[in-house]
Protein backbone atom coordinates (compact mmCIF):
# COMPACT_ATOMS: atom_id res chain seq x y z
CA MET A 1 0.04 0.05 -0.09
CA THR A 2 1.46 3.51 -1.22
CA VAL A 3 0.85 5.75 1.98
CA PHE A 4 1.94 8.87 0.55
CA ARG A 5 -0.03 8.69 -2.95
CA ILE A 6 -1.72 12.18 -3.10
CA ALA A 7 -4.22 13.08 -5.91
CA LEU A 8 -4.46 9.83 -7.70
CA SER A 9 -7.88 8.89 -6.47
CA THR A 10 -10.81 10.86 -4.57
CA PHE A 11 -9.13 9.70 -1.13
CA ILE A 12 -7.32 12.62 0.44
CA PHE A 13 -5.13 12.24 3.30
CA ALA A 14 -5.86 14.95 5.77
CA PHE A 15 -3.02 16.79 7.28
CA ALA A 16 -2.42 16.86 11.00
CA ALA A 17 -3.77 20.20 11.70
CA LEU A 18 -7.35 19.05 10.51
CA SER A 19 -7.07 15.78 12.39
CA SER A 20 -9.49 16.67 15.22
CA ASN A 21 -12.09 17.13 12.55
CA VAL A 22 -11.37 14.27 10.15
CA SER A 23 -11.66 11.68 13.10
CA ALA A 24 -15.29 12.70 13.19
CA GLN A 25 -15.98 11.97 9.47
CA VAL A 26 -14.60 10.41 6.52
CA LEU A 27 -16.80 11.76 3.91
CA ALA A 28 -16.91 15.33 2.27
CA CYS A 29 -20.36 15.15 -0.14
CA LYS A 30 -22.03 17.59 -1.78
CA VAL A 31 -25.53 17.00 -1.70
CA THR A 32 -28.55 17.93 -3.91
CA VAL A 33 -32.30 17.13 -3.47
CA GLN A 34 -34.17 17.76 -6.52
CA MET A 35 -38.15 17.72 -6.12
CA GLU A 36 -39.51 20.03 -8.94
CA HIS A 37 -42.14 17.77 -9.97
CA LEU A 38 -43.75 17.86 -6.42
CA GLN A 39 -46.57 20.00 -5.43
CA SER A 40 -45.68 22.91 -3.13
CA ARG A 41 -46.96 21.51 -0.17
CA ASP A 42 -45.10 18.52 -0.71
CA ARG A 43 -41.73 20.31 -1.12
CA ASP A 44 -42.60 22.06 2.02
CA ASP A 45 -42.46 18.64 3.93
CA LEU A 46 -39.26 17.92 2.14
CA SER A 47 -37.64 21.50 2.99
CA GLY A 48 -35.29 20.14 5.38
CA LEU A 49 -34.21 16.91 3.88
CA GLN A 50 -31.18 17.98 1.70
CA ARG A 51 -29.53 19.60 4.81
CA GLN A 52 -30.13 16.57 6.92
CA LEU A 53 -28.75 14.23 4.24
CA ALA A 54 -25.75 16.23 3.94
CA ASP A 55 -25.16 16.43 8.00
CA TYR A 56 -25.77 12.81 8.27
CA LEU A 57 -23.21 11.84 5.16
CA ASN A 58 -20.48 14.36 6.24
CA ASN A 59 -20.90 13.73 10.15
CA THR A 60 -21.14 10.05 10.23
CA LYS A 61 -17.65 8.37 11.10
CA TRP A 62 -17.97 5.38 8.37
CA SER A 63 -14.90 3.44 9.28
CA ASP A 64 -12.94 3.46 12.41
CA GLU A 65 -10.01 1.98 10.53
CA ASN A 66 -9.89 4.72 7.92
CA SER A 67 -10.72 8.04 9.80
CA ASP A 68 -7.70 9.60 8.73
CA ILE A 69 -9.00 9.63 5.04
CA VAL A 70 -11.34 11.73 3.41
CA LEU A 71 -13.85 10.62 0.50
CA ASN A 72 -15.14 13.46 -1.83
CA CYS A 73 -18.35 12.49 -3.52
CA ASN A 74 -21.52 14.17 -5.00
CA VAL A 75 -24.90 12.72 -3.95
CA GLN A 76 -28.21 13.53 -5.96
CA LEU A 77 -31.78 12.57 -4.85
CA ILE A 78 -34.27 13.00 -7.48
CA ILE A 79 -37.91 12.80 -5.89
CA LYS A 80 -40.29 11.87 -8.74
CA THR A 81 -43.51 11.99 -6.78
CA VAL A 82 -45.51 11.02 -3.58
CA THR A 83 -47.61 8.48 -2.91
CA ASN A 84 -49.73 7.49 0.23
CA ARG A 85 -49.48 3.93 1.94
CA GLY A 86 -51.66 3.84 4.75
CA SER A 87 -50.73 6.49 7.06
CA GLU A 88 -47.01 7.30 5.39
CA LYS A 89 -46.08 9.39 2.66
CA VAL A 90 -43.66 7.21 0.34
CA TYR A 91 -41.37 8.95 -2.37
CA PRO A 92 -40.16 6.95 -5.18
CA SER A 93 -36.79 8.57 -6.28
CA GLU A 94 -33.77 8.21 -8.09
CA PHE A 95 -30.50 8.16 -6.32
CA LEU A 96 -26.93 8.98 -8.00
CA ILE A 97 -23.46 8.92 -6.25
CA SER A 98 -20.12 9.63 -7.79
CA SER A 99 -16.84 10.26 -6.91
CA GLN A 100 -13.80 11.38 -8.56
CA SER A 101 -12.21 8.28 -9.21
CA GLY A 102 -15.11 6.51 -10.79
CA GLU A 103 -17.06 4.82 -8.27
CA ASN A 104 -20.38 6.02 -9.75
CA TYR A 105 -23.95 4.42 -9.34
CA TYR A 106 -27.24 5.72 -10.63
CA ASP A 107 -30.36 4.17 -9.01
CA ARG A 108 -33.55 4.68 -10.62
CA SER A 109 -35.89 2.36 -8.42
CA CYS A 110 -35.92 3.97 -4.69
CA GLU A 111 -38.37 4.55 -2.48
CA PHE A 112 -38.71 5.74 1.05
CA ALA A 113 -40.91 7.35 3.68
CA TYR A 114 -40.09 10.44 5.34
CA GLN A 115 -41.63 12.86 8.25
CA PRO A 116 -40.39 16.37 8.59
CA GLY A 117 -37.92 16.68 11.13
CA GLN A 118 -37.31 13.02 11.80
CA PRO A 119 -34.10 12.02 13.03
CA PHE A 120 -31.10 10.69 11.02
CA GLU A 121 -29.28 8.37 13.54
CA SER A 122 -26.28 6.45 12.43
CA PHE A 123 -26.99 3.56 14.66
CA ARG A 124 -30.17 2.06 14.14
CA THR A 125 -32.04 -0.89 15.24
CA SER A 126 -34.68 -1.40 12.37
CA PHE A 127 -34.30 -1.05 8.54
CA ASP A 128 -34.68 2.71 7.41
CA PRO A 129 -35.45 2.70 3.48
CA LEU A 130 -33.82 6.05 3.15
CA LEU A 131 -30.68 5.99 5.32
CA ASP A 132 -29.88 2.30 4.57
CA LEU A 133 -29.94 3.21 0.83
CA VAL A 134 -27.49 5.89 1.66
CA ASP A 135 -25.44 3.51 3.60
CA TYR A 136 -25.39 0.88 1.03
CA TYR A 137 -23.94 3.21 -1.69
CA VAL A 138 -21.48 4.93 0.64
CA TYR A 139 -20.36 1.26 1.27
CA MET A 140 -20.00 0.58 -2.33
CA VAL A 141 -17.99 3.48 -3.28
CA MET A 142 -15.96 3.17 -0.50
CA GLY A 143 -15.30 -0.31 -1.18
CA GLY A 144 -14.15 0.72 -4.60
CA GLU A 145 -11.91 2.98 -3.32
CA MET A 146 -10.12 0.99 -0.75
CA ASP A 147 -9.40 -1.49 -3.41
CA THR A 148 -7.45 1.21 -4.95
CA TYR A 149 -5.26 1.64 -1.69
CA GLU A 150 -4.96 -2.15 -0.94
CA LEU A 151 -5.26 -5.49 -2.96
CA ASN A 152 -9.10 -6.14 -2.10
CA GLY A 153 -9.03 -3.70 0.57
CA GLY A 154 -12.72 -2.75 -0.19
CA THR A 155 -14.01 -6.11 0.99
CA PRO A 156 -15.02 -5.01 4.45
CA PHE A 157 -17.18 -2.22 2.82
CA PHE A 158 -18.55 -4.64 0.18
CA ASN A 159 -19.80 -7.15 3.05
CA LYS A 160 -21.63 -4.26 4.83
CA ALA A 161 -23.27 -3.16 1.52
CA GLN A 162 -24.63 -6.62 0.98
CA ASN A 163 -25.59 -7.09 4.78
CA ILE A 164 -27.90 -4.10 4.25
CA ALA A 165 -29.20 -5.24 0.43
CA ASN A 166 -30.16 -8.53 2.55
CA GLN A 167 -32.00 -6.32 4.76
CA GLY A 168 -33.42 -4.68 2.22
CA GLN A 169 -34.89 -7.37 0.27
CA LEU A 170 -37.07 -8.60 3.70
CA SER A 171 -38.09 -5.16 4.39
CA ASN A 172 -41.63 -3.24 3.81
CA TYR A 173 -39.52 -1.26 1.06
CA ALA A 174 -38.13 -4.22 -0.76
CA THR A 175 -38.46 -2.12 -4.30
CA GLY A 176 -34.68 -2.33 -5.78
CA TRP A 177 -33.03 -4.34 -3.30
CA THR A 178 -32.60 -7.58 -5.61
CA LYS A 179 -30.58 -5.64 -8.04
CA ARG A 180 -28.63 -4.10 -5.35
CA LEU A 181 -27.59 -7.20 -3.86
CA GLU A 182 -26.77 -8.44 -7.54
CA GLU A 183 -24.85 -5.38 -7.87
CA VAL A 184 -22.64 -6.07 -4.86
CA ILE A 185 -22.31 -9.76 -5.77
CA LEU A 186 -21.07 -8.82 -9.31
CA ASN A 187 -18.30 -6.44 -7.82
CA THR A 188 -16.93 -9.36 -5.60
CA ASP A 189 -17.66 -12.49 -7.41
CA GLY A 190 -14.63 -14.45 -8.52
CA ASP A 191 -14.74 -13.20 -12.15
CA HIS A 192 -14.16 -9.71 -10.77
CA ILE A 193 -11.23 -10.12 -8.39
CA PRO A 194 -8.82 -9.29 -11.27
CA LEU A 195 -10.81 -5.90 -11.99
CA ARG A 196 -10.39 -5.05 -8.03
CA GLU A 197 -6.69 -5.83 -8.55
CA ALA A 198 -6.22 -3.78 -11.54
CA LYS A 199 -7.53 -0.70 -9.70
CA PHE A 200 -4.72 -1.23 -7.19
CA TYR A 201 -2.22 -1.54 -9.97
CA TYR A 202 -3.37 1.44 -12.07
CA TYR A 203 -3.29 3.88 -9.19
CA GLU A 204 0.42 2.36 -8.43
CA GLY A 205 1.45 2.81 -12.04
CA LEU A 206 0.25 6.57 -11.90
CA TYR A 207 2.07 7.28 -8.71
CA TYR A 208 5.18 6.06 -10.57
CA VAL A 209 4.38 8.35 -13.53
CA GLU A 210 3.61 11.28 -11.80
CA ASN A 211 5.34 11.45 -8.27
CA GLU A 212 8.20 9.32 -8.47
CA PRO A 213 8.95 8.83 -12.28
CA ASN A 214 10.10 5.06 -12.82
CA PRO A 215 9.83 3.57 -16.18
CA GLN A 216 10.48 0.27 -15.30
CA TYR A 217 7.87 0.34 -12.37
CA VAL A 218 5.27 1.83 -14.82
CA ARG A 219 5.77 -0.66 -17.21
CA ARG A 220 5.31 -3.33 -14.85
CA PHE A 221 2.21 -2.17 -13.36
CA ALA A 222 0.88 -1.32 -17.04
CA GLN A 223 1.04 -4.81 -17.75
CA ALA A 224 -0.97 -5.86 -14.52
CA VAL A 225 -3.78 -3.70 -15.04
CA VAL A 226 -4.24 -4.94 -18.94
CA GLU A 227 -3.96 -8.34 -18.03
CA ARG A 228 -6.31 -8.45 -15.38
CA LEU A 229 -8.63 -6.32 -17.43
CA ALA A 230 -8.56 -8.76 -20.05
CA ARG A 231 -9.53 -11.68 -17.65
CA VAL A 232 -12.47 -9.96 -16.66
CA HIS A 233 -13.29 -9.08 -20.31
CA ASN A 234 -12.84 -12.61 -21.35
CA LYS A 235 -15.05 -14.23 -18.80
CA ARG A 236 -17.65 -11.13 -18.74
CA PRO A 237 -17.42 -9.29 -21.81
CA ASN A 238 -20.39 -7.13 -20.91
CA SER A 239 -19.62 -6.71 -17.42
CA ALA A 240 -21.24 -3.46 -16.12
CA ALA A 241 -18.40 -3.23 -13.49
CA LEU A 242 -15.61 -3.28 -16.20
CA LYS A 243 -17.74 -0.75 -18.27
CA ARG A 244 -17.72 1.37 -14.97
CA PHE A 245 -14.11 1.26 -14.79
CA MET A 246 -13.61 1.96 -18.28
CA ASP A 247 -15.84 4.74 -18.55
CA ALA A 248 -14.16 6.65 -15.58
CA HIS A 249 -10.41 5.73 -16.58
CA PHE A 250 -10.33 5.42 -20.44
CA GLN A 251 -8.87 9.24 -20.92
CA GLU A 252 -6.05 9.06 -18.60
CA ILE A 253 -4.86 5.37 -18.75
CA CYS A 254 -2.64 6.05 -21.85
CA GLN A 255 -0.27 7.63 -19.17
CA LEU A 256 0.48 3.97 -18.18
CA PHE A 257 1.63 3.06 -21.67
CA GLN A 258 4.01 5.80 -22.45
CA PHE A 259 7.39 4.13 -21.35
CA ASP A 260 6.02 0.66 -23.20
CA LYS A 261 8.38 -0.36 -25.64
CA ASN A 262 5.52 -1.66 -28.22
CA ARG A 263 1.82 -1.25 -28.64
CA ASP A 264 0.51 -4.60 -27.23
CA ASN A 265 -1.00 -2.83 -24.16
CA ILE A 266 -2.52 -0.56 -26.39
CA ASN A 267 -4.07 -3.39 -28.67
CA GLN A 268 -5.43 -5.12 -25.82
CA MET A 269 -7.13 -2.04 -24.57
CA ILE A 270 -8.86 -1.56 -28.06
CA ASN A 271 -10.11 -5.17 -27.76
CA ILE A 272 -11.48 -4.90 -24.20
CA ASP A 273 -12.76 -1.31 -24.69
CA ALA A 274 -13.84 -0.97 -28.27
CA ARG A 275 -15.92 1.88 -27.37
CA HIS A 276 -13.10 3.89 -26.40
CA ARG A 277 -11.00 2.91 -29.39
CA ASP A 278 -9.95 6.25 -30.71
CA VAL A 279 -8.55 7.40 -27.46
CA TYR A 280 -6.24 4.27 -27.22
CA GLU A 281 -5.24 4.64 -30.83
CA GLN A 282 -3.77 8.04 -30.01
CA CYS A 283 -1.71 6.60 -27.07
CA ALA A 284 1.87 7.26 -27.41
CA VAL A 285 4.73 4.91 -26.29
CA GLY A 286 8.28 5.16 -26.13
CA SER A 287 8.94 7.67 -24.17
């Protein structure tokens, strides 16, 4: 694990002068709640939701082990309508979360109940359809991010996400939770272990491009990345997880190939990710 890797992913190590604040949070999320489709009285009921979500995300201590790391992210909650379910108002919604390193998720099938002023507690004894949705995606993003710092370092976070998905399936708000369970299983199954390893080697390679230039190390990490991406592509060519990684990194991955002595890695990338062929064909080698 490269401790002093800086600005190569969305995780940023905090300075000691800020440690008293960072110890209480590991997220720095910008939150937007959109509810343009609702009537004014329903918007009034939700007027405090954006602030509550931001406070919850940014003031919860998500991990005791990684409290010195801050994850920057953007969260959007798009509330489409409101329905009545008994005495509760239920809000069908869409949820988006994104990080600078490409751990991005867009969920179109969310629903939750909400009462104005209801407390947002991080320690709960029962399933909460909104907060557990948020928790699930935070852990999915953190799992992907920690994989970039240590080989399979995201496993504890993916396990937490899977536990939440299992609870969601059994709750009164089961909409979408089967798909979410499938998503976390997809990220962690045997076919995708090479992708998780590729993330780690990718950022290690970029470190030796940008911070401590070392052509030999870069070539070694570039080969490790391409070999592992190829393994995933050969077994799961339509993998959503592989597509998410390529969409996030295709524009910068050429940096890993600048010290290559031939175009073998680039040709492999064209085969793995033909959608971005034009970009890979512009990659320069032999620097």
